[in-house]
Amino acid sequence: GMGDLAAIEDTSLEDWNRTIGIDQTGVFLGMKFA
């Protein structure tokens, strides 16, 4: 996982997608393929 300290006004779409990709989508993919 990864985290950040930014407020929503300072969170770019790129940063949002990166965090979601690792912290959320990574869990989905792990369970799906295992």
Full PDB file with SEQRES, HELIX, SHEET, SSBOND, CRYST1, ORIGX, SCALE, CONECT and MASTER records, all heavy atoms in Angstrom:
SEQRES   1 A   34  GLY MET GLY ASP LEU ALA ALA ILE GLU ASP THR SER LEU          
SEQRES   2 A   34  GLU ASP TRP ASN ARG THR ILE GLY ILE ASP GLN THR GLY          
SEQRES   3 A   34  VAL PHE LEU GLY MET LYS PHE ALA                              
HELIX    1 AA1 ILE A    8  ASP A   10  5                                   3    
HELIX    2 AA2 LEU A   13  ILE A   20  1                                   8    
HELIX    3 AA3 GLY A   21  THR A   25  3                                   5    
HELIX    4 AA4 GLY A   26  PHE A   33  1                                   8    
CRYST1    1.000    1.000    1.000  90.00  90.00  90.00 P 1           1          
ORIGX1      1.000000  0.000000  0.000000        0.00000                         
ORIGX2      0.000000  1.000000  0.000000        0.00000                         
ORIGX3      0.000000  0.000000  1.000000        0.00000                         
SCALE1      1.000000  0.000000  0.000000        0.00000                         
SCALE2      0.000000  1.000000  0.000000        0.00000                         
SCALE3      0.000000  0.000000  1.000000        0.00000                         
ATOM      1  N   GLY A   1       0.815  -1.200   0.000  1.00  0.00           N  
ATOM      2  CA  GLY A   1       0.000   0.000   0.000  1.00  0.00           C  
ATOM      3  C   GLY A   1       0.850   1.252   0.000  1.00  0.00           C  
ATOM      4  O   GLY A   1       2.062   1.203   0.192  1.00  0.00           O  
ATOM      5  N   MET A   2       0.189   2.365  -0.218  1.00  0.00           N  
ATOM      6  CA  MET A   2       0.851   3.655  -0.171  1.00  0.00           C  
ATOM      7  C   MET A   2      -0.148   4.672   0.373  1.00  0.00           C  
ATOM      8  O   MET A   2      -1.361   4.445   0.365  1.00  0.00           O  
ATOM      9  CB  MET A   2       1.334   4.091  -1.553  1.00  0.00           C  
ATOM     10  CG  MET A   2       0.228   4.305  -2.568  1.00  0.00           C  
ATOM     11  SD  MET A   2       0.782   5.187  -4.039  1.00  0.00           S  
ATOM     12  CE  MET A   2       1.116   6.816  -3.342  1.00  0.00           C  
ATOM     13  N   GLY A   3       0.355   5.784   0.858  1.00  0.00           N  
ATOM     14  CA  GLY A   3      -0.503   6.837   1.370  1.00  0.00           C  
ATOM     15  C   GLY A   3      -0.036   8.190   0.885  1.00  0.00           C  
ATOM     16  O   GLY A   3       0.953   8.306   0.155  1.00  0.00           O  
ATOM     17  N   ASP A   4      -0.764   9.211   1.274  1.00  0.00           N  
ATOM     18  CA  ASP A   4      -0.375  10.581   0.964  1.00  0.00           C  
ATOM     19  C   ASP A   4      -0.993  11.471   2.021  1.00  0.00           C  
ATOM     20  O   ASP A   4      -1.807  11.024   2.830  1.00  0.00           O  
ATOM     21  CB  ASP A   4      -0.838  10.985  -0.435  1.00  0.00           C  
ATOM     22  CG  ASP A   4      -2.356  11.032  -0.533  1.00  0.00           C  
ATOM     23  OD1 ASP A   4      -2.937  12.076  -0.176  1.00  0.00           O  
ATOM     24  OD2 ASP A   4      -2.961  10.024  -0.956  1.00  0.00           O  
ATOM     25  N   LEU A   5      -0.639  12.727   2.028  1.00  0.00           N  
ATOM     26  CA  LEU A   5      -1.127  13.649   3.051  1.00  0.00           C  
ATOM     27  C   LEU A   5      -1.914  14.815   2.475  1.00  0.00           C  
ATOM     28  O   LEU A   5      -2.318  15.716   3.204  1.00  0.00           O  
ATOM     29  CB  LEU A   5       0.063  14.187   3.866  1.00  0.00           C  
ATOM     30  CG  LEU A   5       0.850  13.155   4.660  1.00  0.00           C  
ATOM     31  CD1 LEU A   5       2.067  13.809   5.317  1.00  0.00           C  
ATOM     32  CD2 LEU A   5      -0.023  12.475   5.700  1.00  0.00           C  
ATOM     33  N   ALA A   6      -2.153  14.796   1.167  1.00  0.00           N  
ATOM     34  CA  ALA A   6      -2.776  15.943   0.512  1.00  0.00           C  
ATOM     35  C   ALA A   6      -4.273  16.036   0.805  1.00  0.00           C  
ATOM     36  O   ALA A   6      -4.943  15.033   1.051  1.00  0.00           O  
ATOM     37  CB  ALA A   6      -2.559  15.869  -0.998  1.00  0.00           C  
ATOM     38  N   ALA A   7      -4.796  17.253   0.775  1.00  0.00           N  
ATOM     39  CA  ALA A   7      -6.240  17.479   0.838  1.00  0.00           C  
ATOM     40  C   ALA A   7      -6.846  17.230  -0.542  1.00  0.00           C  
ATOM     41  O   ALA A   7      -6.130  17.135  -1.546  1.00  0.00           O  
ATOM     42  CB  ALA A   7      -6.521  18.909   1.274  1.00  0.00           C  
ATOM     43  N   ILE A   8      -8.170  17.135  -0.612  1.00  0.00           N  
ATOM     44  CA  ILE A   8      -8.805  16.801  -1.886  1.00  0.00           C  
ATOM     45  C   ILE A   8      -8.514  17.862  -2.951  1.00  0.00           C  
ATOM     46  O   ILE A   8      -8.311  17.529  -4.126  1.00  0.00           O  
ATOM     47  CB  ILE A   8     -10.324  16.579  -1.717  1.00  0.00           C  
ATOM     48  CG1 ILE A   8     -10.899  15.968  -2.994  1.00  0.00           C  
ATOM     49  CG2 ILE A   8     -11.032  17.877  -1.308  1.00  0.00           C  
ATOM     50  CD1 ILE A   8     -12.286  15.396  -2.817  1.00  0.00           C  
ATOM     51  N   GLU A   9      -8.433  19.133  -2.535  1.00  0.00           N  
ATOM     52  CA  GLU A   9      -8.155  20.185  -3.518  1.00  0.00           C  
ATOM     53  C   GLU A   9      -6.772  20.048  -4.142  1.00  0.00           C  
ATOM     54  O   GLU A   9      -6.540  20.534  -5.251  1.00  0.00           O  
ATOM     55  CB  GLU A   9      -8.272  21.572  -2.852  1.00  0.00           C  
ATOM     56  CG  GLU A   9      -9.664  21.913  -2.374  1.00  0.00           C  
ATOM     57  CD  GLU A   9      -9.930  21.446  -0.948  1.00  0.00           C  
ATOM     58  OE1 GLU A   9      -9.140  20.626  -0.403  1.00  0.00           O  
ATOM     59  OE2 GLU A   9     -10.932  21.897  -0.369  1.00  0.00           O  
ATOM     60  N   ASP A  10      -5.870  19.405  -3.428  1.00  0.00           N  
ATOM     61  CA  ASP A  10      -4.492  19.271  -3.890  1.00  0.00           C  
ATOM     62  C   ASP A  10      -4.169  17.877  -4.420  1.00  0.00           C  
ATOM     63  O   ASP A  10      -3.019  17.580  -4.730  1.00  0.00           O  
ATOM     64  CB  ASP A  10      -3.533  19.604  -2.739  1.00  0.00           C  
ATOM     65  CG  ASP A  10      -3.745  21.009  -2.200  1.00  0.00           C  
ATOM     66  OD1 ASP A  10      -3.913  21.923  -3.021  1.00  0.00           O  
ATOM     67  OD2 ASP A  10      -3.779  21.172  -0.965  1.00  0.00           O  
ATOM     68  N   THR A  11      -5.186  17.016  -4.518  1.00  0.00           N  
ATOM     69  CA  THR A  11      -4.986  15.658  -5.021  1.00  0.00           C  
ATOM     70  C   THR A  11      -5.291  15.620  -6.505  1.00  0.00           C  
ATOM     71  O   THR A  11      -6.433  15.859  -6.932  1.00  0.00           O  
ATOM     72  CB  THR A  11      -5.909  14.662  -4.278  1.00  0.00           C  
ATOM     73  OG1 THR A  11      -5.604  14.682  -2.880  1.00  0.00           O  
ATOM     74  CG2 THR A  11      -5.726  13.250  -4.820  1.00  0.00           C  
ATOM     75  N   SER A  12      -4.288  15.339  -7.305  1.00  0.00           N  
ATOM     76  CA  SER A  12      -4.499  15.265  -8.751  1.00  0.00           C  
ATOM     77  C   SER A  12      -5.155  13.927  -9.106  1.00  0.00           C  
ATOM     78  O   SER A  12      -5.115  12.967  -8.336  1.00  0.00           O  
ATOM     79  CB  SER A  12      -3.163  15.377  -9.488  1.00  0.00           C  
ATOM     80  OG  SER A  12      -2.358  14.225  -9.240  1.00  0.00           O  
ATOM     81  N   LEU A  13      -5.742  13.876 -10.289  1.00  0.00           N  
ATOM     82  CA  LEU A  13      -6.335  12.625 -10.753  1.00  0.00           C  
ATOM     83  C   LEU A  13      -5.266  11.543 -10.871  1.00  0.00           C  
ATOM     84  O   LEU A  13      -5.518  10.372 -10.557  1.00  0.00           O  
ATOM     85  CB  LEU A  13      -7.031  12.842 -12.098  1.00  0.00           C  
ATOM     86  CG  LEU A  13      -7.697  11.600 -12.719  1.00  0.00           C  
ATOM     87  CD1 LEU A  13      -8.759  11.030 -11.784  1.00  0.00           C  
ATOM     88  CD2 LEU A  13      -8.294  11.947 -14.080  1.00  0.00           C  
ATOM     89  N   GLU A  14      -4.077  11.941 -11.292  1.00  0.00           N  
ATOM     90  CA  GLU A  14      -2.977  10.975 -11.400  1.00  0.00           C  
ATOM     91  C   GLU A  14      -2.631  10.378 -10.038  1.00  0.00           C  
ATOM     92  O   GLU A  14      -2.452   9.163  -9.896  1.00  0.00           O  
ATOM     93  CB  GLU A  14      -1.750  11.658 -12.005  1.00  0.00           C  
ATOM     94  CG  GLU A  14      -0.551  10.728 -12.170  1.00  0.00           C  
ATOM     95  CD  GLU A  14       0.664  11.442 -12.721  1.00  0.00           C  
ATOM     96  OE1 GLU A  14       0.658  12.687 -12.798  1.00  0.00           O  
ATOM     97  OE2 GLU A  14       1.650  10.750 -13.081  1.00  0.00           O  
ATOM     98  N   ASP A  15      -2.539  11.238  -9.022  1.00  0.00           N  
ATOM     99  CA  ASP A  15      -2.238  10.758  -7.669  1.00  0.00           C  
ATOM    100  C   ASP A  15      -3.365   9.869  -7.146  1.00  0.00           C  
ATOM    101  O   ASP A  15      -3.119   8.837  -6.503  1.00  0.00           O  
ATOM    102  CB  ASP A  15      -2.028  11.934  -6.720  1.00  0.00           C  
ATOM    103  CG  ASP A  15      -0.739  12.693  -7.001  1.00  0.00           C  
ATOM    104  OD1 ASP A  15       0.155  12.112  -7.664  1.00  0.00           O  
ATOM    105  OD2 ASP A  15      -0.619  13.847  -6.566  1.00  0.00           O  
ATOM    106  N   TRP A  16      -4.610  10.284  -7.381  1.00  0.00           N  
ATOM    107  CA  TRP A  16      -5.764   9.485  -6.964  1.00  0.00           C  
ATOM    108  C   TRP A  16      -5.700   8.085  -7.585  1.00  0.00           C  
ATOM    109  O   TRP A  16      -5.821   7.076  -6.893  1.00  0.00           O  
ATOM    110  CB  TRP A  16      -7.049  10.196  -7.377  1.00  0.00           C  
ATOM    111  CG  TRP A  16      -8.294   9.364  -7.242  1.00  0.00           C  
ATOM    112  CD1 TRP A  16      -8.809   8.492  -8.160  1.00  0.00           C  
ATOM    113  CD2 TRP A  16      -9.190   9.328  -6.120  1.00  0.00           C  
ATOM    114  NE1 TRP A  16      -9.958   7.912  -7.686  1.00  0.00           N  
ATOM    115  CE2 TRP A  16     -10.208   8.402  -6.439  1.00  0.00           C  
ATOM    116  CE3 TRP A  16      -9.222   9.988  -4.887  1.00  0.00           C  
ATOM    117  CZ2 TRP A  16     -11.265   8.120  -5.566  1.00  0.00           C  
ATOM    118  CZ3 TRP A  16     -10.273   9.709  -4.014  1.00  0.00           C  
ATOM    119  CH2 TRP A  16     -11.271   8.786  -4.347  1.00  0.00           C  
ATOM    120  N   ASN A  17      -5.503   8.032  -8.901  1.00  0.00           N  
ATOM    121  CA  ASN A  17      -5.493   6.745  -9.596  1.00  0.00           C  
ATOM    122  C   ASN A  17      -4.347   5.853  -9.143  1.00  0.00           C  
ATOM    123  O   ASN A  17      -4.497   4.629  -9.056  1.00  0.00           O  
ATOM    124  CB  ASN A  17      -5.423   6.970 -11.108  1.00  0.00           C  
ATOM    125  CG  ASN A  17      -6.736   7.460 -11.687  1.00  0.00           C  
ATOM    126  OD1 ASN A  17      -7.801   7.248 -11.101  1.00  0.00           O  
ATOM    127  ND2 ASN A  17      -6.675   8.115 -12.834  1.00  0.00           N  
ATOM    128  N   ARG A  18      -3.209   6.462  -8.840  1.00  0.00           N  
ATOM    129  CA  ARG A  18      -2.062   5.666  -8.382  1.00  0.00           C  
ATOM    130  C   ARG A  18      -2.354   5.023  -7.030  1.00  0.00           C  
ATOM    131  O   ARG A  18      -2.092   3.839  -6.813  1.00  0.00           O  
ATOM    132  CB  ARG A  18      -0.816   6.542  -8.297  1.00  0.00           C  
ATOM    133  CG  ARG A  18       0.438   5.781  -7.843  1.00  0.00           C  
ATOM    134  CD  ARG A  18       1.689   6.586  -8.117  1.00  0.00           C  
ATOM    135  NE  ARG A  18       2.873   5.853  -7.681  1.00  0.00           N  
ATOM    136  CZ  ARG A  18       3.537   6.103  -6.559  1.00  0.00           C  
ATOM    137  NH1 ARG A  18       3.135   7.075  -5.755  1.00  0.00           N  
ATOM    138  NH2 ARG A  18       4.603   5.399  -6.247  1.00  0.00           N  
ATOM    139  N   THR A  19      -2.894   5.807  -6.092  1.00  0.00           N  
ATOM    140  CA  THR A  19      -3.212   5.264  -4.772  1.00  0.00           C  
ATOM    141  C   THR A  19      -4.294   4.203  -4.861  1.00  0.00           C  
ATOM    142  O   THR A  19      -4.173   3.125  -4.249  1.00  0.00           O  
ATOM    143  CB  THR A  19      -3.650   6.394  -3.824  1.00  0.00           C  
ATOM    144  OG1 THR A  19      -2.589   7.339  -3.689  1.00  0.00           O  
ATOM    145  CG2 THR A  19      -3.997   5.843  -2.450  1.00  0.00           C  
ATOM    146  N   ILE A  20      -5.349   4.468  -5.614  1.00  0.00           N  
ATOM    147  CA  ILE A  20      -6.423   3.486  -5.778  1.00  0.00           C  
ATOM    148  C   ILE A  20      -5.883   2.225  -6.454  1.00  0.00           C  
ATOM    149  O   ILE A  20      -6.239   1.095  -6.075  1.00  0.00           O  
ATOM    150  CB  ILE A  20      -7.584   4.077  -6.608  1.00  0.00           C  
ATOM    151  CG1 ILE A  20      -8.238   5.255  -5.863  1.00  0.00           C  
ATOM    152  CG2 ILE A  20      -8.614   3.002  -6.946  1.00  0.00           C  
ATOM    153  CD1 ILE A  20      -8.923   4.881  -4.569  1.00  0.00           C  
ATOM    154  N   GLY A  21      -5.005   2.398  -7.432  1.00  0.00           N  
ATOM    155  CA  GLY A  21      -4.455   1.252  -8.155  1.00  0.00           C  
ATOM    156  C   GLY A  21      -3.693   0.300  -7.251  1.00  0.00           C  
ATOM    157  O   GLY A  21      -3.790  -0.927  -7.385  1.00  0.00           O  
ATOM    158  N   ILE A  22      -2.935   0.854  -6.319  1.00  0.00           N  
ATOM    159  CA  ILE A  22      -2.135   0.026  -5.422  1.00  0.00           C  
ATOM    160  C   ILE A  22      -2.961  -0.470  -4.242  1.00  0.00           C  
ATOM    161  O   ILE A  22      -2.985  -1.675  -3.936  1.00  0.00           O  
ATOM    162  CB  ILE A  22      -0.908   0.818  -4.929  1.00  0.00           C  
ATOM    163  CG1 ILE A  22       0.036   1.109  -6.096  1.00  0.00           C  
ATOM    164  CG2 ILE A  22      -0.178   0.054  -3.824  1.00  0.00           C  
ATOM    165  CD1 ILE A  22       1.152   2.076  -5.770  1.00  0.00           C  
ATOM    166  N   ASP A  23      -3.659   0.441  -3.567  1.00  0.00           N  
ATOM    167  CA  ASP A  23      -4.312   0.107  -2.306  1.00  0.00           C  
ATOM    168  C   ASP A  23      -5.630  -0.639  -2.474  1.00  0.00           C  
ATOM    169  O   ASP A  23      -6.039  -1.383  -1.576  1.00  0.00           O  
ATOM    170  CB  ASP A  23      -4.577   1.383  -1.500  1.00  0.00           C  
ATOM    171  CG  ASP A  23      -3.296   2.032  -0.998  1.00  0.00           C  
ATOM    172  OD1 ASP A  23      -2.208   1.513  -1.282  1.00  0.00           O  
ATOM    173  OD2 ASP A  23      -3.384   3.065  -0.311  1.00  0.00           O  
ATOM    174  N   GLN A  24      -6.303  -0.420  -3.584  1.00  0.00           N  
ATOM    175  CA  GLN A  24      -7.622  -1.031  -3.786  1.00  0.00           C  
ATOM    176  C   GLN A  24      -7.608  -2.049  -4.923  1.00  0.00           C  
ATOM    177  O   GLN A  24      -7.925  -3.221  -4.711  1.00  0.00           O  
ATOM    178  CB  GLN A  24      -8.659   0.055  -4.084  1.00  0.00           C  
ATOM    179  CG  GLN A  24     -10.053  -0.469  -4.388  1.00  0.00           C  
ATOM    180  CD  GLN A  24     -11.046   0.648  -4.629  1.00  0.00           C  
ATOM    181  OE1 GLN A  24     -10.928   1.744  -4.088  1.00  0.00           O  
ATOM    182  NE2 GLN A  24     -12.050   0.394  -5.446  1.00  0.00           N  
ATOM    183  N   THR A  25      -7.222  -1.610  -6.118  1.00  0.00           N  
ATOM    184  CA  THR A  25      -7.229  -2.524  -7.259  1.00  0.00           C  
ATOM    185  C   THR A  25      -6.266  -3.681  -7.038  1.00  0.00           C  
ATOM    186  O   THR A  25      -6.548  -4.821  -7.443  1.00  0.00           O  
ATOM    187  CB  THR A  25      -6.885  -1.772  -8.557  1.00  0.00           C  
ATOM    188  OG1 THR A  25      -7.776  -0.666  -8.704  1.00  0.00           O  
ATOM    189  CG2 THR A  25      -6.987  -2.682  -9.756  1.00  0.00           C  
ATOM    190  N   GLY A  26      -5.147  -3.422  -6.374  1.00  0.00           N  
ATOM    191  CA  GLY A  26      -4.190  -4.494  -6.096  1.00  0.00           C  
ATOM    192  C   GLY A  26      -4.795  -5.608  -5.268  1.00  0.00           C  
ATOM    193  O   GLY A  26      -4.483  -6.790  -5.470  1.00  0.00           O  
ATOM    194  N   VAL A  27      -5.669  -5.262  -4.331  1.00  0.00           N  
ATOM    195  CA  VAL A  27      -6.337  -6.266  -3.504  1.00  0.00           C  
ATOM    196  C   VAL A  27      -7.329  -7.074  -4.334  1.00  0.00           C  
ATOM    197  O   VAL A  27      -7.416  -8.302  -4.232  1.00  0.00           O  
ATOM    198  CB  VAL A  27      -7.037  -5.588  -2.309  1.00  0.00           C  
ATOM    199  CG1 VAL A  27      -7.849  -6.594  -1.498  1.00  0.00           C  
ATOM    200  CG2 VAL A  27      -6.002  -4.894  -1.421  1.00  0.00           C  
ATOM    201  N   PHE A  28      -8.091  -6.388  -5.168  1.00  0.00           N  
ATOM    202  CA  PHE A  28      -9.020  -7.059  -6.092  1.00  0.00           C  
ATOM    203  C   PHE A  28      -8.278  -8.047  -6.986  1.00  0.00           C  
ATOM    204  O   PHE A  28      -8.675  -9.221  -7.121  1.00  0.00           O  
ATOM    205  CB  PHE A  28      -9.754  -6.015  -6.931  1.00  0.00           C  
ATOM    206  CG  PHE A  28     -10.296  -6.525  -8.231  1.00  0.00           C  
ATOM    207  CD1 PHE A  28     -11.424  -7.335  -8.263  1.00  0.00           C  
ATOM    208  CD2 PHE A  28      -9.673  -6.205  -9.434  1.00  0.00           C  
ATOM    209  CE1 PHE A  28     -11.917  -7.814  -9.476  1.00  0.00           C  
ATOM    210  CE2 PHE A  28     -10.160  -6.679 -10.639  1.00  0.00           C  
ATOM    211  CZ  PHE A  28     -11.287  -7.492 -10.661  1.00  0.00           C  
ATOM    212  N   LEU A  29      -7.188  -7.592  -7.598  1.00  0.00           N  
ATOM    213  CA  LEU A  29      -6.445  -8.459  -8.511  1.00  0.00           C  
ATOM    214  C   LEU A  29      -5.861  -9.662  -7.779  1.00  0.00           C  
ATOM    215  O   LEU A  29      -5.873 -10.789  -8.307  1.00  0.00           O  
ATOM    216  CB  LEU A  29      -5.326  -7.666  -9.187  1.00  0.00           C  
ATOM    217  CG  LEU A  29      -5.755  -6.585 -10.191  1.00  0.00           C  
ATOM    218  CD1 LEU A  29      -4.544  -5.758 -10.631  1.00  0.00           C  
ATOM    219  CD2 LEU A  29      -6.453  -7.198 -11.397  1.00  0.00           C  
ATOM    220  N   GLY A  30      -5.348  -9.428  -6.568  1.00  0.00           N  
ATOM    221  CA  GLY A  30      -4.769 -10.533  -5.810  1.00  0.00           C  
ATOM    222  C   GLY A  30      -5.776 -11.636  -5.549  1.00  0.00           C  
ATOM    223  O   GLY A  30      -5.502 -12.822  -5.762  1.00  0.00           O  
ATOM    224  N   MET A  31      -6.955 -11.259  -5.081  1.00  0.00           N  
ATOM    225  CA  MET A  31      -7.968 -12.276  -4.794  1.00  0.00           C  
ATOM    226  C   MET A  31      -8.480 -12.935  -6.078  1.00  0.00           C  
ATOM    227  O   MET A  31      -8.718 -14.143  -6.118  1.00  0.00           O  
ATOM    228  CB  MET A  31      -9.107 -11.666  -3.984  1.00  0.00           C  
ATOM    229  CG  MET A  31      -8.689 -11.302  -2.565  1.00  0.00           C  
ATOM    230  SD  MET A  31     -10.077 -10.881  -1.487  1.00  0.00           S  
ATOM    231  CE  MET A  31     -10.535  -9.268  -2.149  1.00  0.00           C  
ATOM    232  N   LYS A  32      -8.643 -12.141  -7.118  1.00  0.00           N  
ATOM    233  CA  LYS A  32      -9.131 -12.687  -8.387  1.00  0.00           C  
ATOM    234  C   LYS A  32      -8.196 -13.766  -8.938  1.00  0.00           C  
ATOM    235  O   LYS A  32      -8.632 -14.866  -9.297  1.00  0.00           O  
ATOM    236  CB  LYS A  32      -9.292 -11.565  -9.413  1.00  0.00           C  
ATOM    237  CG  LYS A  32      -9.733 -12.034 -10.800  1.00  0.00           C  
ATOM    238  CD  LYS A  32      -9.909 -10.857 -11.741  1.00  0.00           C  
ATOM    239  CE  LYS A  32     -10.238 -11.322 -13.168  1.00  0.00           C  
ATOM    240  NZ  LYS A  32     -11.534 -12.050 -13.239  1.00  0.00           N  
ATOM    241  N   PHE A  33      -6.904 -13.462  -8.981  1.00  0.00           N  
ATOM    242  CA  PHE A  33      -5.989 -14.383  -9.645  1.00  0.00           C  
ATOM    243  C   PHE A  33      -5.427 -15.467  -8.725  1.00  0.00           C  
ATOM    244  O   PHE A  33      -4.869 -16.448  -9.197  1.00  0.00           O  
ATOM    245  CB  PHE A  33      -4.870 -13.594 -10.335  1.00  0.00           C  
ATOM    246  CG  PHE A  33      -5.374 -12.834 -11.523  1.00  0.00           C  
ATOM    247  CD1 PHE A  33      -5.503 -11.456 -11.489  1.00  0.00           C  
ATOM    248  CD2 PHE A  33      -5.783 -13.502 -12.665  1.00  0.00           C  
ATOM    249  CE1 PHE A  33      -6.008 -10.759 -12.565  1.00  0.00           C  
ATOM    250  CE2 PHE A  33      -6.296 -12.817 -13.762  1.00  0.00           C  
ATOM    251  CZ  PHE A  33      -6.414 -11.441 -13.716  1.00  0.00           C  
ATOM    252  N   ALA A  34      -5.626 -15.318  -7.415  1.00  0.00           N  
ATOM    253  CA  ALA A  34      -5.240 -16.379  -6.491  1.00  0.00           C  
ATOM    254  C   ALA A  34      -6.398 -17.313  -6.170  1.00  0.00           C  
ATOM    255  O   ALA A  34      -6.216 -18.318  -5.472  1.00  0.00           O  
ATOM    256  CB  ALA A  34      -4.702 -15.777  -5.188  1.00  0.00           C  
TER     257      ALA A  34                                                      
MASTER        0    0    0    4    0    0    0    6  256    1    0    3          
END                                                                             
